[in-house]
N, C-alpha and C. Protein backbone atom coordinates (compact mmCIF):
# COMPACT_ATOMS: atom_id res chain seq x y z
N UNK A 1 79.32 -71.74 -137.85
CA UNK A 1 77.88 -71.89 -137.69
C UNK A 1 77.17 -71.02 -138.70
N UNK A 2 76.06 -71.50 -139.21
CA UNK A 2 75.29 -70.77 -140.19
C UNK A 2 73.87 -70.59 -139.69
N UNK A 3 73.26 -69.46 -140.02
CA UNK A 3 71.89 -69.23 -139.57
C UNK A 3 71.01 -68.97 -140.78
N UNK A 4 70.05 -69.83 -141.02
CA UNK A 4 69.09 -69.60 -142.10
C UNK A 4 67.71 -69.87 -141.55
N UNK A 5 66.76 -69.04 -141.92
CA UNK A 5 65.43 -69.23 -141.36
C UNK A 5 64.41 -68.36 -142.07
N UNK A 6 63.24 -68.88 -142.40
CA UNK A 6 62.21 -68.06 -143.04
C UNK A 6 61.59 -67.06 -142.09
N UNK A 7 61.78 -67.24 -140.79
CA UNK A 7 61.16 -66.34 -139.81
C UNK A 7 62.12 -65.26 -139.35
N UNK A 8 63.23 -65.05 -140.06
CA UNK A 8 64.25 -64.13 -139.60
C UNK A 8 63.75 -62.70 -139.52
N UNK A 9 62.77 -62.33 -140.33
CA UNK A 9 62.29 -60.96 -140.27
C UNK A 9 61.70 -60.66 -138.91
N UNK A 10 61.17 -61.66 -138.31
CA UNK A 10 60.54 -61.43 -137.00
C UNK A 10 61.55 -61.66 -135.89
N UNK A 11 62.39 -62.01 -135.86
CA UNK A 11 63.37 -62.06 -134.80
C UNK A 11 64.76 -61.56 -135.28
N UNK A 12 84.65 -79.71 -155.80
CA UNK A 12 85.32 -79.86 -156.97
C UNK A 12 84.88 -80.95 -157.91
N UNK A 13 83.58 -81.56 -157.48
CA UNK A 13 83.17 -82.59 -158.43
C UNK A 13 81.80 -82.25 -158.94
N UNK A 14 81.44 -82.84 -160.06
CA UNK A 14 80.13 -82.56 -160.63
C UNK A 14 79.06 -83.26 -159.82
N UNK A 15 77.82 -82.84 -160.01
CA UNK A 15 76.74 -83.45 -159.24
C UNK A 15 76.50 -84.90 -159.63
N UNK A 16 77.04 -85.33 -160.76
CA UNK A 16 76.86 -86.73 -161.17
C UNK A 16 77.78 -87.66 -160.41
N UNK A 17 78.86 -87.10 -159.84
CA UNK A 17 79.79 -87.95 -159.09
C UNK A 17 79.43 -87.89 -157.61
N UNK A 18 78.30 -88.48 -157.28
CA UNK A 18 77.78 -88.43 -155.92
C UNK A 18 78.68 -89.18 -154.97
N UNK A 19 78.58 -88.91 -153.65
CA UNK A 19 79.41 -89.59 -152.67
C UNK A 19 79.21 -91.10 -152.70
N UNK A 20 80.23 -91.80 -152.29
CA UNK A 20 80.16 -93.25 -152.28
C UNK A 20 79.06 -93.72 -151.34
N UNK A 21 78.36 -94.77 -151.73
CA UNK A 21 77.32 -95.35 -150.88
C UNK A 21 77.97 -96.31 -149.90
N UNK A 22 77.52 -96.28 -148.66
CA UNK A 22 78.04 -97.16 -147.64
C UNK A 22 77.02 -98.23 -147.31
N UNK A 23 77.51 -99.35 -146.82
CA UNK A 23 76.64 -100.46 -146.47
C UNK A 23 75.74 -100.07 -145.31
N UNK A 24 74.44 -100.25 -145.43
CA UNK A 24 73.53 -99.94 -144.30
C UNK A 24 73.98 -100.68 -143.05
N UNK A 25 73.88 -100.03 -141.90
CA UNK A 25 74.36 -100.63 -140.67
C UNK A 25 73.59 -100.04 -139.50
N UNK A 26 73.99 -100.43 -138.30
CA UNK A 26 73.40 -99.89 -137.08
C UNK A 26 74.53 -99.32 -136.23
N UNK A 27 74.42 -98.03 -135.87
CA UNK A 27 75.42 -97.40 -135.04
C UNK A 27 74.71 -96.55 -133.99
N UNK A 28 75.25 -96.55 -132.77
CA UNK A 28 74.65 -95.79 -131.67
C UNK A 28 73.15 -96.08 -131.54
N UNK A 29 72.77 -97.31 -131.88
CA UNK A 29 71.38 -97.70 -131.77
C UNK A 29 70.50 -97.20 -132.89
N UNK A 30 71.11 -96.62 -133.94
CA UNK A 30 70.35 -96.08 -135.06
C UNK A 30 70.55 -96.93 -136.29
N UNK A 31 69.49 -97.12 -137.05
CA UNK A 31 69.63 -97.78 -138.34
C UNK A 31 70.18 -96.75 -139.32
N UNK A 32 71.29 -97.05 -139.94
CA UNK A 32 71.98 -96.12 -140.83
C UNK A 32 71.85 -96.62 -142.26
N UNK A 33 71.27 -95.80 -143.12
CA UNK A 33 71.17 -96.13 -144.54
C UNK A 33 72.27 -95.43 -145.32
N UNK A 34 72.51 -95.91 -146.53
CA UNK A 34 73.57 -95.33 -147.35
C UNK A 34 73.36 -93.83 -147.56
N UNK A 35 72.12 -93.40 -147.76
CA UNK A 35 71.87 -91.98 -148.02
C UNK A 35 72.21 -91.11 -146.82
N UNK A 36 72.21 -91.67 -145.62
CA UNK A 36 72.53 -90.88 -144.45
C UNK A 36 73.98 -90.40 -144.46
N UNK A 37 74.83 -91.05 -145.23
CA UNK A 37 76.23 -90.68 -145.28
C UNK A 37 76.55 -89.71 -146.42
N UNK A 38 75.58 -89.34 -147.23
CA UNK A 38 75.86 -88.50 -148.38
C UNK A 38 75.98 -87.05 -147.95
N UNK A 39 77.21 -86.55 -147.94
CA UNK A 39 77.49 -85.20 -147.48
C UNK A 39 77.17 -84.16 -148.55
N UNK A 40 77.67 -84.35 -149.72
CA UNK A 40 77.47 -83.47 -150.87
C UNK A 40 78.36 -84.04 -151.97
N UNK A 41 78.22 -83.58 -153.19
CA UNK A 41 79.12 -84.08 -154.24
C UNK A 41 80.57 -83.68 -154.04
N UNK A 42 80.85 -82.79 -153.07
CA UNK A 42 82.23 -82.35 -152.87
C UNK A 42 82.85 -82.88 -151.59
N UNK A 43 82.13 -83.71 -150.85
CA UNK A 43 82.67 -84.23 -149.60
C UNK A 43 82.04 -85.56 -149.28
N UNK A 44 82.82 -86.44 -148.67
CA UNK A 44 82.30 -87.74 -148.29
C UNK A 44 83.07 -88.24 -147.08
N UNK A 45 82.38 -88.81 -146.11
CA UNK A 45 83.02 -89.31 -144.91
C UNK A 45 82.14 -90.36 -144.28
N UNK A 46 82.75 -91.42 -143.77
CA UNK A 46 81.99 -92.44 -143.07
C UNK A 46 81.86 -92.11 -141.59
N UNK A 47 82.50 -91.01 -141.17
CA UNK A 47 82.43 -90.62 -139.76
C UNK A 47 81.11 -89.94 -139.41
N UNK A 48 80.54 -89.19 -140.36
CA UNK A 48 79.35 -88.40 -140.10
C UNK A 48 78.17 -88.91 -140.90
N UNK A 49 76.99 -88.86 -140.28
CA UNK A 49 75.77 -89.19 -141.00
C UNK A 49 74.73 -88.13 -140.68
N UNK A 50 73.70 -88.05 -141.52
CA UNK A 50 72.73 -86.96 -141.47
C UNK A 50 71.33 -87.55 -141.50
N UNK A 51 70.51 -87.22 -140.50
CA UNK A 51 69.27 -87.94 -140.28
C UNK A 51 68.06 -87.04 -140.22
N UNK A 52 67.04 -87.38 -140.98
CA UNK A 52 65.72 -86.80 -140.82
C UNK A 52 65.12 -87.42 -139.56
N UNK A 53 64.83 -86.59 -138.57
CA UNK A 53 64.38 -87.11 -137.28
C UNK A 53 62.88 -87.35 -137.29
N UNK A 54 62.52 -88.55 -136.99
CA UNK A 54 61.11 -88.92 -136.89
C UNK A 54 60.69 -88.91 -135.42
N UNK A 55 59.43 -89.06 -135.19
CA UNK A 55 58.90 -89.02 -133.83
C UNK A 55 59.63 -90.02 -132.93
N UNK A 56 60.00 -89.58 -131.76
CA UNK A 56 60.68 -90.40 -130.74
C UNK A 56 62.09 -90.82 -131.17
N UNK A 57 62.70 -90.08 -132.06
CA UNK A 57 64.09 -90.38 -132.43
C UNK A 57 65.00 -90.21 -131.22
N UNK A 58 65.98 -91.11 -131.04
CA UNK A 58 66.92 -90.96 -129.93
C UNK A 58 67.82 -89.73 -130.08
N UNK A 59 67.82 -89.10 -131.26
CA UNK A 59 68.62 -87.90 -131.48
C UNK A 59 67.85 -86.62 -131.18
N UNK A 60 66.57 -86.74 -130.86
CA UNK A 60 65.73 -85.56 -130.70
C UNK A 60 66.22 -84.65 -129.57
N UNK A 61 66.60 -85.21 -128.46
CA UNK A 61 67.05 -84.40 -127.32
C UNK A 61 68.31 -83.61 -127.70
N UNK A 62 69.25 -84.27 -128.34
CA UNK A 62 70.47 -83.59 -128.75
C UNK A 62 70.22 -82.50 -129.76
N UNK A 63 69.24 -82.71 -130.64
CA UNK A 63 68.86 -81.71 -131.63
C UNK A 63 68.40 -80.43 -130.95
N UNK A 64 67.48 -80.54 -129.98
CA UNK A 64 66.96 -79.36 -129.29
C UNK A 64 68.03 -78.70 -128.44
N UNK A 65 68.85 -79.49 -127.78
CA UNK A 65 69.89 -78.93 -126.92
C UNK A 65 70.91 -78.14 -127.73
N UNK A 66 71.29 -78.64 -128.91
CA UNK A 66 72.27 -77.92 -129.72
C UNK A 66 71.66 -76.63 -130.29
N UNK A 67 70.42 -76.69 -130.70
CA UNK A 67 69.75 -75.47 -131.17
C UNK A 67 69.76 -74.40 -130.08
N UNK A 68 69.41 -74.78 -128.87
CA UNK A 68 69.39 -73.84 -127.76
C UNK A 68 70.78 -73.28 -127.48
N UNK A 69 71.79 -74.15 -127.50
CA UNK A 69 73.16 -73.72 -127.22
C UNK A 69 73.63 -72.68 -128.24
N UNK A 70 73.27 -72.88 -129.51
CA UNK A 70 73.74 -71.98 -130.56
C UNK A 70 72.95 -70.67 -130.58
N UNK A 71 71.63 -70.77 -130.64
CA UNK A 71 70.82 -69.60 -130.91
C UNK A 71 70.42 -68.81 -129.66
N UNK A 72 70.46 -69.46 -128.48
CA UNK A 72 70.14 -68.76 -127.24
C UNK A 72 71.40 -68.40 -126.46
N UNK A 73 72.21 -69.40 -126.13
CA UNK A 73 73.35 -69.18 -125.26
C UNK A 73 74.53 -68.51 -125.98
N UNK A 74 74.72 -68.83 -127.25
CA UNK A 74 75.87 -68.27 -127.98
C UNK A 74 75.52 -66.99 -128.73
N UNK A 75 74.54 -67.06 -129.61
CA UNK A 75 74.21 -65.90 -130.44
C UNK A 75 73.24 -64.92 -129.76
N UNK A 76 72.56 -65.37 -128.72
CA UNK A 76 71.62 -64.52 -127.99
C UNK A 76 70.53 -63.95 -128.90
N UNK A 77 70.13 -64.74 -129.89
CA UNK A 77 69.03 -64.32 -130.75
C UNK A 77 67.69 -64.53 -130.06
N UNK A 78 67.67 -65.42 -129.09
CA UNK A 78 66.47 -65.70 -128.30
C UNK A 78 66.88 -65.76 -126.83
N UNK A 79 65.95 -65.51 -125.94
CA UNK A 79 66.28 -65.50 -124.52
C UNK A 79 66.20 -66.90 -123.90
N UNK A 80 65.01 -67.46 -123.88
CA UNK A 80 64.82 -68.74 -123.19
C UNK A 80 64.77 -69.94 -124.13
N UNK A 81 64.19 -69.75 -125.31
CA UNK A 81 64.03 -70.86 -126.25
C UNK A 81 63.96 -70.33 -127.68
N UNK A 82 64.52 -71.08 -128.61
CA UNK A 82 64.46 -70.68 -130.02
C UNK A 82 63.31 -71.40 -130.74
N UNK A 83 62.53 -72.16 -130.01
CA UNK A 83 61.40 -72.87 -130.63
C UNK A 83 60.30 -71.88 -130.97
N UNK A 84 59.58 -72.15 -132.05
CA UNK A 84 58.46 -71.30 -132.43
C UNK A 84 57.39 -72.16 -133.10
N UNK A 85 56.31 -71.52 -133.54
CA UNK A 85 55.21 -72.26 -134.14
C UNK A 85 55.58 -73.02 -135.39
N UNK A 86 56.62 -72.59 -136.07
CA UNK A 86 57.03 -73.29 -137.29
C UNK A 86 57.56 -74.70 -136.99
N UNK A 87 58.04 -74.90 -135.77
CA UNK A 87 58.54 -76.23 -135.43
C UNK A 87 57.43 -77.28 -135.45
N UNK A 88 56.17 -76.86 -135.32
CA UNK A 88 55.06 -77.81 -135.36
C UNK A 88 54.88 -78.41 -136.75
N UNK A 89 55.36 -77.70 -137.77
CA UNK A 89 55.21 -78.20 -139.15
C UNK A 89 56.55 -78.32 -139.88
N UNK A 90 57.61 -78.24 -139.13
CA UNK A 90 58.94 -78.38 -139.72
C UNK A 90 59.47 -79.80 -139.51
N UNK A 91 60.41 -80.18 -140.35
CA UNK A 91 61.06 -81.49 -140.26
C UNK A 91 62.50 -81.26 -139.78
N UNK A 92 62.85 -81.77 -138.58
CA UNK A 92 64.20 -81.59 -138.06
C UNK A 92 65.19 -82.57 -138.67
N UNK A 93 66.42 -82.10 -138.85
CA UNK A 93 67.51 -82.92 -139.37
C UNK A 93 68.71 -82.72 -138.45
N UNK A 94 69.42 -83.80 -138.14
CA UNK A 94 70.58 -83.73 -137.26
C UNK A 94 71.79 -84.39 -137.92
N UNK A 95 72.96 -83.81 -137.68
CA UNK A 95 74.23 -84.42 -138.09
C UNK A 95 74.79 -85.19 -136.91
N UNK A 96 75.29 -86.38 -137.16
CA UNK A 96 75.78 -87.27 -136.11
C UNK A 96 77.24 -87.61 -136.34
N UNK A 97 78.05 -87.45 -135.29
CA UNK A 97 79.46 -87.85 -135.33
C UNK A 97 79.58 -89.21 -134.66
N UNK A 98 79.92 -90.23 -135.44
CA UNK A 98 80.01 -91.58 -134.91
C UNK A 98 81.27 -91.81 -134.08
N UNK A 99 82.20 -90.85 -134.14
CA UNK A 99 83.43 -90.98 -133.37
C UNK A 99 83.37 -90.22 -132.05
N UNK A 100 82.25 -89.55 -131.79
CA UNK A 100 82.11 -88.79 -130.55
C UNK A 100 82.16 -89.73 -129.35
N UNK A 101 82.94 -89.35 -128.35
CA UNK A 101 83.12 -90.22 -127.19
C UNK A 101 81.97 -90.14 -126.21
N UNK A 102 81.27 -89.00 -126.17
CA UNK A 102 80.21 -88.82 -125.18
C UNK A 102 78.91 -88.37 -125.84
N UNK A 103 77.83 -88.53 -125.09
CA UNK A 103 76.55 -88.05 -125.56
C UNK A 103 76.03 -88.82 -126.75
N UNK A 104 75.06 -88.21 -127.42
CA UNK A 104 74.45 -88.87 -128.57
C UNK A 104 75.15 -88.55 -129.87
N UNK A 105 76.16 -87.67 -129.84
CA UNK A 105 76.95 -87.38 -131.04
C UNK A 105 76.35 -86.36 -131.97
N UNK A 106 75.27 -85.66 -131.57
CA UNK A 106 74.67 -84.65 -132.44
C UNK A 106 75.60 -83.45 -132.53
N UNK A 107 76.04 -83.10 -133.75
CA UNK A 107 76.99 -82.00 -133.95
C UNK A 107 76.48 -80.94 -134.91
N UNK A 108 75.29 -81.13 -135.46
CA UNK A 108 74.74 -80.14 -136.37
C UNK A 108 73.24 -80.28 -136.47
N UNK A 109 72.56 -79.17 -136.78
CA UNK A 109 71.10 -79.17 -136.85
C UNK A 109 70.62 -78.29 -137.99
N UNK A 110 69.43 -78.61 -138.48
CA UNK A 110 68.73 -77.76 -139.44
C UNK A 110 67.27 -78.23 -139.46
N UNK A 111 66.37 -77.35 -139.85
CA UNK A 111 64.99 -77.76 -140.04
C UNK A 111 64.53 -77.31 -141.42
N UNK A 112 63.59 -78.03 -142.00
CA UNK A 112 63.03 -77.66 -143.29
C UNK A 112 61.52 -77.60 -143.15
N UNK A 113 60.90 -76.67 -143.87
CA UNK A 113 59.45 -76.57 -143.81
C UNK A 113 58.90 -76.01 -145.12
N UNK A 114 57.69 -76.44 -145.43
CA UNK A 114 57.00 -76.02 -146.64
C UNK A 114 56.13 -74.81 -146.28
N UNK A 115 56.57 -73.61 -146.62
CA UNK A 115 55.85 -72.38 -146.28
C UNK A 115 54.60 -72.21 -147.14
N UNK A 116 54.70 -72.58 -148.41
CA UNK A 116 53.60 -72.58 -149.35
C UNK A 116 53.72 -73.85 -150.17
N UNK A 117 52.68 -74.27 -150.86
CA UNK A 117 52.80 -75.49 -151.67
C UNK A 117 54.01 -75.44 -152.58
N UNK A 118 54.93 -76.39 -152.39
CA UNK A 118 56.13 -76.59 -153.20
C UNK A 118 57.19 -75.51 -152.99
N UNK A 119 56.98 -74.61 -152.03
CA UNK A 119 57.98 -73.60 -151.66
C UNK A 119 58.53 -73.95 -150.28
N UNK A 120 59.80 -74.31 -150.21
CA UNK A 120 60.43 -74.77 -148.98
C UNK A 120 61.48 -73.79 -148.49
N UNK A 121 61.67 -73.77 -147.19
CA UNK A 121 62.71 -72.97 -146.55
C UNK A 121 63.55 -73.86 -145.65
N UNK A 122 64.82 -73.48 -145.52
CA UNK A 122 65.68 -74.07 -144.51
C UNK A 122 65.78 -73.10 -143.35
N UNK A 123 65.90 -73.62 -142.14
CA UNK A 123 66.00 -72.76 -140.97
C UNK A 123 66.77 -73.41 -139.83
N UNK A 124 67.21 -72.55 -138.89
CA UNK A 124 67.91 -73.01 -137.69
C UNK A 124 69.09 -73.94 -138.06
N UNK A 125 69.84 -73.55 -139.04
CA UNK A 125 71.02 -74.32 -139.43
C UNK A 125 72.19 -73.92 -138.56
N UNK A 126 72.74 -74.87 -137.83
CA UNK A 126 73.86 -74.58 -136.96
C UNK A 126 74.77 -75.78 -136.77
N UNK A 127 76.04 -75.50 -136.47
CA UNK A 127 77.05 -76.54 -136.27
C UNK A 127 77.71 -76.31 -134.91
N UNK A 128 77.92 -77.38 -134.19
CA UNK A 128 78.61 -77.31 -132.89
C UNK A 128 79.95 -76.59 -133.06
N UNK A 129 80.30 -75.76 -132.06
CA UNK A 129 81.51 -74.95 -132.16
C UNK A 129 82.77 -75.74 -132.41
N UNK A 130 82.86 -76.96 -131.90
CA UNK A 130 84.06 -77.77 -132.07
C UNK A 130 84.20 -78.33 -133.48
N UNK A 131 83.15 -78.17 -134.31
CA UNK A 131 83.15 -78.80 -135.63
C UNK A 131 83.07 -77.79 -136.77
N UNK A 132 83.12 -76.51 -136.46
CA UNK A 132 82.91 -75.52 -137.52
C UNK A 132 84.07 -75.42 -138.50
N UNK A 133 85.24 -75.87 -138.09
CA UNK A 133 86.36 -75.88 -139.05
C UNK A 133 86.20 -77.00 -140.08
N UNK A 134 85.29 -77.94 -139.82
CA UNK A 134 85.04 -79.03 -140.76
C UNK A 134 83.85 -78.63 -141.64
N UNK A 135 84.14 -78.05 -142.80
CA UNK A 135 83.07 -77.57 -143.67
C UNK A 135 82.10 -78.66 -144.07
N UNK A 136 82.53 -79.93 -143.95
CA UNK A 136 81.68 -81.02 -144.42
C UNK A 136 80.40 -81.15 -143.59
N UNK A 137 80.40 -80.66 -142.34
CA UNK A 137 79.18 -80.72 -141.54
C UNK A 137 78.13 -79.79 -142.13
N UNK A 138 78.52 -78.55 -142.39
CA UNK A 138 77.59 -77.61 -143.01
C UNK A 138 77.15 -78.09 -144.38
N UNK A 139 78.09 -78.60 -145.17
CA UNK A 139 77.75 -79.12 -146.50
C UNK A 139 76.75 -80.26 -146.40
N UNK A 140 77.00 -81.16 -145.44
CA UNK A 140 76.12 -82.31 -145.31
C UNK A 140 74.72 -81.94 -144.88
N UNK A 141 74.61 -80.98 -143.95
CA UNK A 141 73.30 -80.53 -143.51
C UNK A 141 72.52 -79.87 -144.65
N UNK A 142 73.21 -79.03 -145.41
CA UNK A 142 72.56 -78.36 -146.54
C UNK A 142 72.15 -79.38 -147.59
N UNK A 143 73.03 -80.32 -147.89
CA UNK A 143 72.74 -81.35 -148.88
C UNK A 143 71.52 -82.18 -148.46
N UNK A 144 71.52 -82.62 -147.20
CA UNK A 144 70.41 -83.43 -146.70
C UNK A 144 69.11 -82.64 -146.73
N UNK A 145 69.16 -81.36 -146.33
CA UNK A 145 67.96 -80.54 -146.28
C UNK A 145 67.35 -80.34 -147.67
N UNK A 146 68.17 -79.93 -148.62
CA UNK A 146 67.64 -79.59 -149.94
C UNK A 146 67.24 -80.83 -150.73
N UNK A 147 68.05 -81.88 -150.69
CA UNK A 147 67.70 -83.09 -151.44
C UNK A 147 66.45 -83.76 -150.86
N UNK A 148 66.26 -83.67 -149.54
CA UNK A 148 65.06 -84.23 -148.93
C UNK A 148 63.82 -83.50 -149.42
N UNK A 149 63.84 -82.16 -149.34
CA UNK A 149 62.70 -81.37 -149.81
C UNK A 149 62.47 -81.58 -151.31
N UNK A 150 63.55 -81.68 -152.06
CA UNK A 150 63.44 -81.89 -153.51
C UNK A 150 62.74 -83.20 -153.82
N UNK A 151 62.98 -84.19 -153.01
CA UNK A 151 62.31 -85.47 -153.19
C UNK A 151 60.84 -85.44 -152.83
N UNK A 152 60.42 -84.40 -152.12
CA UNK A 152 59.02 -84.27 -151.72
C UNK A 152 58.26 -83.28 -152.59
N UNK A 153 58.78 -82.97 -153.76
CA UNK A 153 58.07 -82.11 -154.69
C UNK A 153 58.37 -80.64 -154.56
N UNK A 154 59.57 -80.29 -154.07
CA UNK A 154 59.96 -78.89 -153.92
C UNK A 154 60.23 -78.25 -155.29
N UNK A 155 59.66 -77.06 -155.51
CA UNK A 155 59.97 -76.28 -156.71
C UNK A 155 61.00 -75.19 -156.44
N UNK A 156 61.00 -74.66 -155.21
CA UNK A 156 61.98 -73.65 -154.81
C UNK A 156 62.39 -73.93 -153.37
N UNK A 157 63.68 -73.72 -153.07
CA UNK A 157 64.19 -73.88 -151.71
C UNK A 157 64.98 -72.62 -151.38
N UNK A 158 64.51 -71.88 -150.36
CA UNK A 158 65.08 -70.59 -150.00
C UNK A 158 65.63 -70.60 -148.58
N UNK A 159 66.49 -69.62 -148.29
CA UNK A 159 67.02 -69.44 -146.95
C UNK A 159 67.57 -68.04 -146.82
N UNK A 160 67.50 -67.47 -145.61
CA UNK A 160 68.21 -66.23 -145.33
C UNK A 160 69.56 -66.60 -144.72
N UNK A 161 70.60 -66.00 -145.24
CA UNK A 161 71.97 -66.39 -144.90
C UNK A 161 72.75 -65.18 -144.41
N UNK A 162 73.43 -65.31 -143.29
CA UNK A 162 74.26 -64.23 -142.79
C UNK A 162 75.34 -63.88 -143.81
N UNK A 163 75.67 -62.60 -143.89
CA UNK A 163 76.54 -62.10 -144.95
C UNK A 163 77.87 -62.83 -145.01
N UNK A 164 78.43 -63.22 -143.87
CA UNK A 164 79.73 -63.87 -143.86
C UNK A 164 79.69 -65.28 -144.44
N UNK A 165 78.49 -65.83 -144.63
CA UNK A 165 78.37 -67.19 -145.15
C UNK A 165 77.87 -67.25 -146.60
N UNK A 166 77.67 -66.10 -147.21
CA UNK A 166 77.13 -66.06 -148.57
C UNK A 166 78.06 -66.77 -149.55
N UNK A 167 79.34 -66.52 -149.48
CA UNK A 167 80.28 -67.18 -150.41
C UNK A 167 80.26 -68.69 -150.26
N UNK A 168 80.16 -69.15 -149.02
CA UNK A 168 80.10 -70.60 -148.78
C UNK A 168 78.89 -71.20 -149.50
N UNK A 169 77.74 -70.55 -149.39
CA UNK A 169 76.54 -71.05 -150.06
C UNK A 169 76.66 -70.94 -151.58
N UNK A 170 77.29 -69.89 -152.06
CA UNK A 170 77.47 -69.76 -153.50
C UNK A 170 78.30 -70.91 -154.06
N UNK A 171 79.30 -71.34 -153.31
CA UNK A 171 80.12 -72.48 -153.75
C UNK A 171 79.31 -73.77 -153.77
N UNK A 172 78.21 -73.78 -153.02
CA UNK A 172 77.34 -74.97 -152.98
C UNK A 172 76.13 -74.82 -153.90
N UNK A 173 76.27 -73.95 -154.91
CA UNK A 173 75.24 -73.80 -155.95
C UNK A 173 73.97 -73.11 -155.42
N UNK A 174 74.18 -72.05 -154.65
CA UNK A 174 73.09 -71.18 -154.24
C UNK A 174 73.32 -69.81 -154.87
N UNK A 175 72.26 -69.08 -155.13
CA UNK A 175 72.36 -67.73 -155.68
C UNK A 175 71.62 -66.76 -154.78
N UNK A 176 72.13 -65.53 -154.70
CA UNK A 176 71.51 -64.48 -153.91
C UNK A 176 70.44 -63.80 -154.74
N UNK A 177 69.25 -63.65 -154.15
CA UNK A 177 68.15 -63.01 -154.87
C UNK A 177 67.72 -61.71 -154.20
N UNK A 178 68.23 -61.43 -152.99
CA UNK A 178 67.89 -60.16 -152.35
C UNK A 178 68.82 -59.97 -151.15
N UNK A 179 69.04 -58.72 -150.78
CA UNK A 179 69.80 -58.42 -149.57
C UNK A 179 68.86 -57.78 -148.56
N UNK A 180 69.07 -58.03 -147.28
CA UNK A 180 68.19 -57.53 -146.25
C UNK A 180 68.96 -57.40 -144.95
N UNK A 181 68.38 -56.67 -144.02
CA UNK A 181 68.99 -56.49 -142.71
C UNK A 181 68.05 -57.05 -141.65
N UNK A 182 68.59 -57.89 -140.77
CA UNK A 182 67.80 -58.52 -139.72
C UNK A 182 68.48 -58.25 -138.39
N UNK A 183 67.79 -57.53 -137.52
CA UNK A 183 68.33 -57.17 -136.21
C UNK A 183 69.71 -56.53 -136.33
N UNK A 184 69.84 -55.64 -137.31
CA UNK A 184 71.09 -54.92 -137.50
C UNK A 184 72.18 -55.70 -138.20
N UNK A 185 71.89 -56.94 -138.62
CA UNK A 185 72.88 -57.79 -139.28
C UNK A 185 72.52 -57.97 -140.75
N UNK A 186 73.52 -57.87 -141.62
CA UNK A 186 73.30 -58.03 -143.05
C UNK A 186 73.09 -59.50 -143.40
N UNK A 187 72.08 -59.77 -144.20
CA UNK A 187 71.75 -61.10 -144.67
C UNK A 187 71.47 -61.06 -146.17
N UNK A 188 71.50 -62.22 -146.78
CA UNK A 188 71.03 -62.38 -148.16
C UNK A 188 69.94 -63.43 -148.17
N UNK A 189 68.89 -63.17 -148.93
CA UNK A 189 67.91 -64.22 -149.23
C UNK A 189 68.49 -64.99 -150.41
N UNK A 190 68.66 -66.31 -150.23
CA UNK A 190 69.33 -67.12 -151.24
C UNK A 190 68.46 -68.30 -151.65
N UNK A 191 68.73 -68.80 -152.86
CA UNK A 191 67.95 -69.90 -153.42
C UNK A 191 68.89 -71.00 -153.92
N UNK A 192 68.53 -72.23 -153.61
CA UNK A 192 69.33 -73.38 -154.04
C UNK A 192 69.02 -73.76 -155.48
N UNK A 193 70.04 -74.21 -156.20
CA UNK A 193 69.87 -74.73 -157.55
C UNK A 193 69.43 -76.19 -157.45
N UNK A 194 68.15 -76.44 -157.64
CA UNK A 194 67.62 -77.79 -157.45
C UNK A 194 68.14 -78.78 -158.48
N UNK A 195 68.66 -78.29 -159.60
CA UNK A 195 69.25 -79.19 -160.58
C UNK A 195 70.52 -79.83 -160.04
N UNK A 196 71.18 -79.16 -159.11
CA UNK A 196 72.39 -79.68 -158.47
C UNK A 196 72.04 -80.63 -157.32
N UNK A 197 70.98 -80.33 -156.61
CA UNK A 197 70.58 -81.13 -155.44
C UNK A 197 69.56 -82.18 -155.86
N UNK A 198 70.03 -83.31 -156.31
CA UNK A 198 69.15 -84.35 -156.82
C UNK A 198 68.16 -84.80 -155.75
N UNK A 199 66.99 -85.20 -156.18
CA UNK A 199 65.92 -85.56 -155.26
C UNK A 199 66.25 -86.84 -154.50
N UNK A 200 66.11 -86.80 -153.18
CA UNK A 200 66.32 -87.98 -152.35
C UNK A 200 65.09 -88.88 -152.40
N UNK A 201 65.28 -90.12 -152.03
CA UNK A 201 64.18 -91.10 -152.10
C UNK A 201 63.47 -91.27 -150.77
N UNK A 202 63.89 -90.55 -149.72
CA UNK A 202 63.30 -90.74 -148.39
C UNK A 202 61.83 -90.33 -148.38
N UNK A 203 60.99 -91.17 -147.79
CA UNK A 203 59.56 -90.90 -147.74
C UNK A 203 59.26 -89.78 -146.75
N UNK A 204 58.27 -88.98 -147.05
CA UNK A 204 57.88 -87.87 -146.18
C UNK A 204 57.03 -88.40 -145.04
N UNK A 205 57.47 -88.23 -143.79
CA UNK A 205 56.69 -88.73 -142.66
C UNK A 205 55.55 -87.79 -142.32
N UNK A 206 54.56 -88.30 -141.62
CA UNK A 206 53.46 -87.48 -141.13
C UNK A 206 53.96 -86.68 -139.94
N UNK A 207 53.57 -85.41 -139.88
CA UNK A 207 53.92 -84.60 -138.73
C UNK A 207 53.06 -84.96 -137.54
N UNK A 208 53.62 -84.84 -136.35
CA UNK A 208 52.85 -85.13 -135.14
C UNK A 208 51.76 -84.07 -134.99
N UNK A 209 50.64 -84.47 -134.44
CA UNK A 209 49.54 -83.53 -134.22
C UNK A 209 49.97 -82.46 -133.24
N UNK A 210 49.54 -81.22 -133.51
CA UNK A 210 49.91 -80.10 -132.65
C UNK A 210 49.29 -80.24 -131.27
């Protein structure tokens, strides 16, 4: 599991060899586009897809439940809820396992938000405990998050990353720009190389009124 968030202070292939495109389809009642299967230039799987959640998405409940399980029940970073005011202007993203036998199949979460014009952050990035040995879930969430923001005019994409995950992010073309301590835990403020994360074509939805 990885934790990245702009609010933390208060609490082997080239990029040109993109993953194979899959035929658009419908699974678990969801319309699946080819881009939903793009994990990263270093991983590809038809088992997992990654979705920008729009209003009334059938994955929304699973997204919130997994966030709570990771950040409240497991990490104890929050007591009752990990939701905050940033969720009103953030875009949630969920990873879906199409082979899951039960539930809605949500196995990973992340949110992205524009803190300042063209300055984006990733936050609340987490992977279900049963899937953390599969690096492709984390890769896919990061890929979906950064390429989505890049397609919406992002100039910089930042995240605070727990020290044990810095090397993982460096392998995914992120660089450390500062070190910091959050609640007694060492973190790095890191920045994604947008030249590696090509801009996605997904349209930016309107946020729901607060």
